[in-house]
């Protein structure tokens, strides 16, 4: 999980819960909706006049979020599947 103080997390929970509720569960449309929400959030945070440093920062955040998802969720899932189904 991205490491912000626990006292700062609560301000986001309600809004994130609402957005998550609006995202379709259909696997064919969910990626587009998630991409739209993430892209619009970045646009709102950085504004219309993004400079190179802003692009660099945003891409770094997205890359770290992907790595965090892999480390915390995907790798353990893969380990479970290796244990249950065998390795390559």
C-alpha atoms as a PDB file:
ATOM      1  CA  UNK A   1       0.000   0.000   0.000  1.00  0.00           C
ATOM      2  CA  UNK A   2       1.249   3.474  -0.706  1.00  0.00           C
ATOM      3  CA  UNK A   3       2.537   4.813   2.514  1.00  0.00           C
ATOM      4  CA  UNK A   4       0.709   7.899   3.671  1.00  0.00           C
ATOM      5  CA  UNK A   5      -0.159   8.506   7.307  1.00  0.00           C
ATOM      6  CA  UNK A   6      -3.202   6.585   8.486  1.00  0.00           C
ATOM      7  CA  UNK A   7      -4.712   9.880   9.631  1.00  0.00           C
ATOM      8  CA  UNK A   8      -4.667  11.129   6.011  1.00  0.00           C
ATOM      9  CA  UNK A   9      -6.284   8.059   4.424  1.00  0.00           C
ATOM     10  CA  UNK A  10      -9.838   8.581   5.639  1.00  0.00           C
ATOM     11  CA  UNK A  11     -10.382  11.683   3.531  1.00  0.00           C
ATOM     12  CA  UNK A  12     -10.256   9.548   0.382  1.00  0.00           C
ATOM     13  CA  UNK A  13     -12.197   6.444   1.401  1.00  0.00           C
ATOM     14  CA  UNK A  14     -15.750   7.644   0.749  1.00  0.00           C
ATOM     15  CA  UNK A  15     -14.933   9.099  -2.676  1.00  0.00           C
ATOM     16  CA  UNK A  16     -12.980   5.994  -3.701  1.00  0.00           C
ATOM     17  CA  UNK A  17     -15.799   3.707  -2.525  1.00  0.00           C
ATOM     18  CA  UNK A  18     -18.268   5.685  -4.651  1.00  0.00           C
ATOM     19  CA  UNK A  19     -16.040   5.618  -7.732  1.00  0.00           C
ATOM     20  CA  UNK A  20     -15.377   1.891  -7.280  1.00  0.00           C
ATOM     21  CA  UNK A  21     -19.119   1.271  -7.075  1.00  0.00           C
ATOM     22  CA  UNK A  22     -19.584   3.008 -10.448  1.00  0.00           C
ATOM     23  CA  UNK A  23     -16.932   0.958 -12.272  1.00  0.00           C
ATOM     24  CA  UNK A  24     -18.571  -1.854 -14.262  1.00  0.00           C
ATOM     25  CA  UNK A  25     -17.801  -5.415 -13.251  1.00  0.00           C
ATOM     26  CA  UNK A  26     -17.868  -6.536 -16.885  1.00  0.00           C
ATOM     27  CA  UNK A  27     -14.312  -7.481 -17.856  1.00  0.00           C
ATOM     28  CA  UNK A  28     -14.681  -6.019 -21.351  1.00  0.00           C
ATOM     29  CA  UNK A  29     -15.629  -2.496 -20.235  1.00  0.00           C
ATOM     30  CA  UNK A  30     -13.923  -2.278 -16.817  1.00  0.00           C
ATOM     31  CA  UNK A  31     -10.420  -1.457 -18.173  1.00  0.00           C
ATOM     32  CA  UNK A  32     -11.677   1.526 -20.167  1.00  0.00           C
ATOM     33  CA  UNK A  33     -13.550   2.899 -17.181  1.00  0.00           C
ATOM     34  CA  UNK A  34     -10.552   2.466 -14.877  1.00  0.00           C
ATOM     35  CA  UNK A  35      -8.265   4.119 -17.428  1.00  0.00           C
ATOM     36  CA  UNK A  36     -10.688   7.032 -17.784  1.00  0.00           C
ATOM     37  CA  UNK A  37     -10.943   7.558 -14.015  1.00  0.00           C
ATOM     38  CA  UNK A  38      -7.179   7.374 -13.499  1.00  0.00           C
ATOM     39  CA  UNK A  39      -6.441   9.641 -16.473  1.00  0.00           C
ATOM     40  CA  UNK A  40      -9.026  12.214 -15.411  1.00  0.00           C
ATOM     41  CA  UNK A  41      -7.737  12.183 -11.837  1.00  0.00           C
ATOM     42  CA  UNK A  42      -4.205  12.842 -13.058  1.00  0.00           C
ATOM     43  CA  UNK A  43      -5.474  15.627 -15.309  1.00  0.00           C
ATOM     44  CA  UNK A  44      -7.315  17.240 -12.387  1.00  0.00           C
ATOM     45  CA  UNK A  45      -4.338  16.916 -10.042  1.00  0.00           C
ATOM     46  CA  UNK A  46      -1.707  18.228 -12.437  1.00  0.00           C
ATOM     47  CA  UNK A  47      -3.849  20.686 -14.386  1.00  0.00           C
ATOM     48  CA  UNK A  48      -3.666  21.628 -18.054  1.00  0.00           C
ATOM     49  CA  UNK A  49      -0.129  23.023 -17.945  1.00  0.00           C
ATOM     50  CA  UNK A  50       1.864  19.930 -17.089  1.00  0.00           C
ATOM     51  CA  UNK A  51       5.594  20.349 -17.418  1.00  0.00           C
ATOM     52  CA  UNK A  52       8.081  17.559 -18.049  1.00  0.00           C
ATOM     53  CA  UNK A  53       8.737  17.141 -14.322  1.00  0.00           C
ATOM     54  CA  UNK A  54       5.001  16.649 -13.759  1.00  0.00           C
ATOM     55  CA  UNK A  55       4.804  14.017 -16.497  1.00  0.00           C
ATOM     56  CA  UNK A  56       7.849  12.321 -15.021  1.00  0.00           C
ATOM     57  CA  UNK A  57       6.292  12.348 -11.546  1.00  0.00           C
ATOM     58  CA  UNK A  58       2.910  11.049 -12.764  1.00  0.00           C
ATOM     59  CA  UNK A  59       4.494   8.224 -14.752  1.00  0.00           C
ATOM     60  CA  UNK A  60       6.604   7.354 -11.716  1.00  0.00           C
ATOM     61  CA  UNK A  61       3.481   7.194  -9.541  1.00  0.00           C
ATOM     62  CA  UNK A  62       1.713   4.968 -12.070  1.00  0.00           C
ATOM     63  CA  UNK A  63       4.737   2.675 -12.356  1.00  0.00           C
ATOM     64  CA  UNK A  64       5.072   2.415  -8.583  1.00  0.00           C
ATOM     65  CA  UNK A  65       1.349   1.689  -8.241  1.00  0.00           C
ATOM     66  CA  UNK A  66       1.718  -1.134 -10.781  1.00  0.00           C
ATOM     67  CA  UNK A  67       4.742  -2.503  -8.945  1.00  0.00           C
ATOM     68  CA  UNK A  68       2.918  -2.284  -5.616  1.00  0.00           C
ATOM     69  CA  UNK A  69      -0.052  -4.178  -7.041  1.00  0.00           C
ATOM     70  CA  UNK A  70       2.281  -6.857  -8.361  1.00  0.00           C
ATOM     71  CA  UNK A  71       4.256  -7.134  -5.115  1.00  0.00           C
ATOM     72  CA  UNK A  72       1.274  -7.157  -2.762  1.00  0.00           C
ATOM     73  CA  UNK A  73      -1.399  -8.990  -4.776  1.00  0.00           C
ATOM     74  CA  UNK A  74      -0.113 -10.654  -7.949  1.00  0.00           C
ATOM     75  CA  UNK A  75       3.056 -12.333  -6.644  1.00  0.00           C
ATOM     76  CA  UNK A  76       1.263 -13.979  -3.688  1.00  0.00           C
ATOM     77  CA  UNK A  77      -1.492 -15.137  -6.059  1.00  0.00           C
ATOM     78  CA  UNK A  78       1.120 -16.620  -8.388  1.00  0.00           C
ATOM     79  CA  UNK A  79       2.756 -18.378  -5.432  1.00  0.00           C
ATOM     80  CA  UNK A  80      -0.617 -19.909  -4.472  1.00  0.00           C
ATOM     81  CA  UNK A  81      -1.142 -21.143  -8.027  1.00  0.00           C
ATOM     82  CA  UNK A  82       2.365 -22.632  -8.168  1.00  0.00           C
ATOM     83  CA  UNK A  83       1.650 -24.456  -4.917  1.00  0.00           C
ATOM     84  CA  UNK A  84      -1.707 -25.769  -6.109  1.00  0.00           C
ATOM     85  CA  UNK A  85      -0.981 -26.451  -9.787  1.00  0.00           C
ATOM     86  CA  UNK A  86       2.783 -26.903  -9.917  1.00  0.00           C
ATOM     87  CA  UNK A  87       5.553 -24.775 -11.349  1.00  0.00           C
ATOM     88  CA  UNK A  88       6.394 -24.418 -15.039  1.00  0.00           C
END
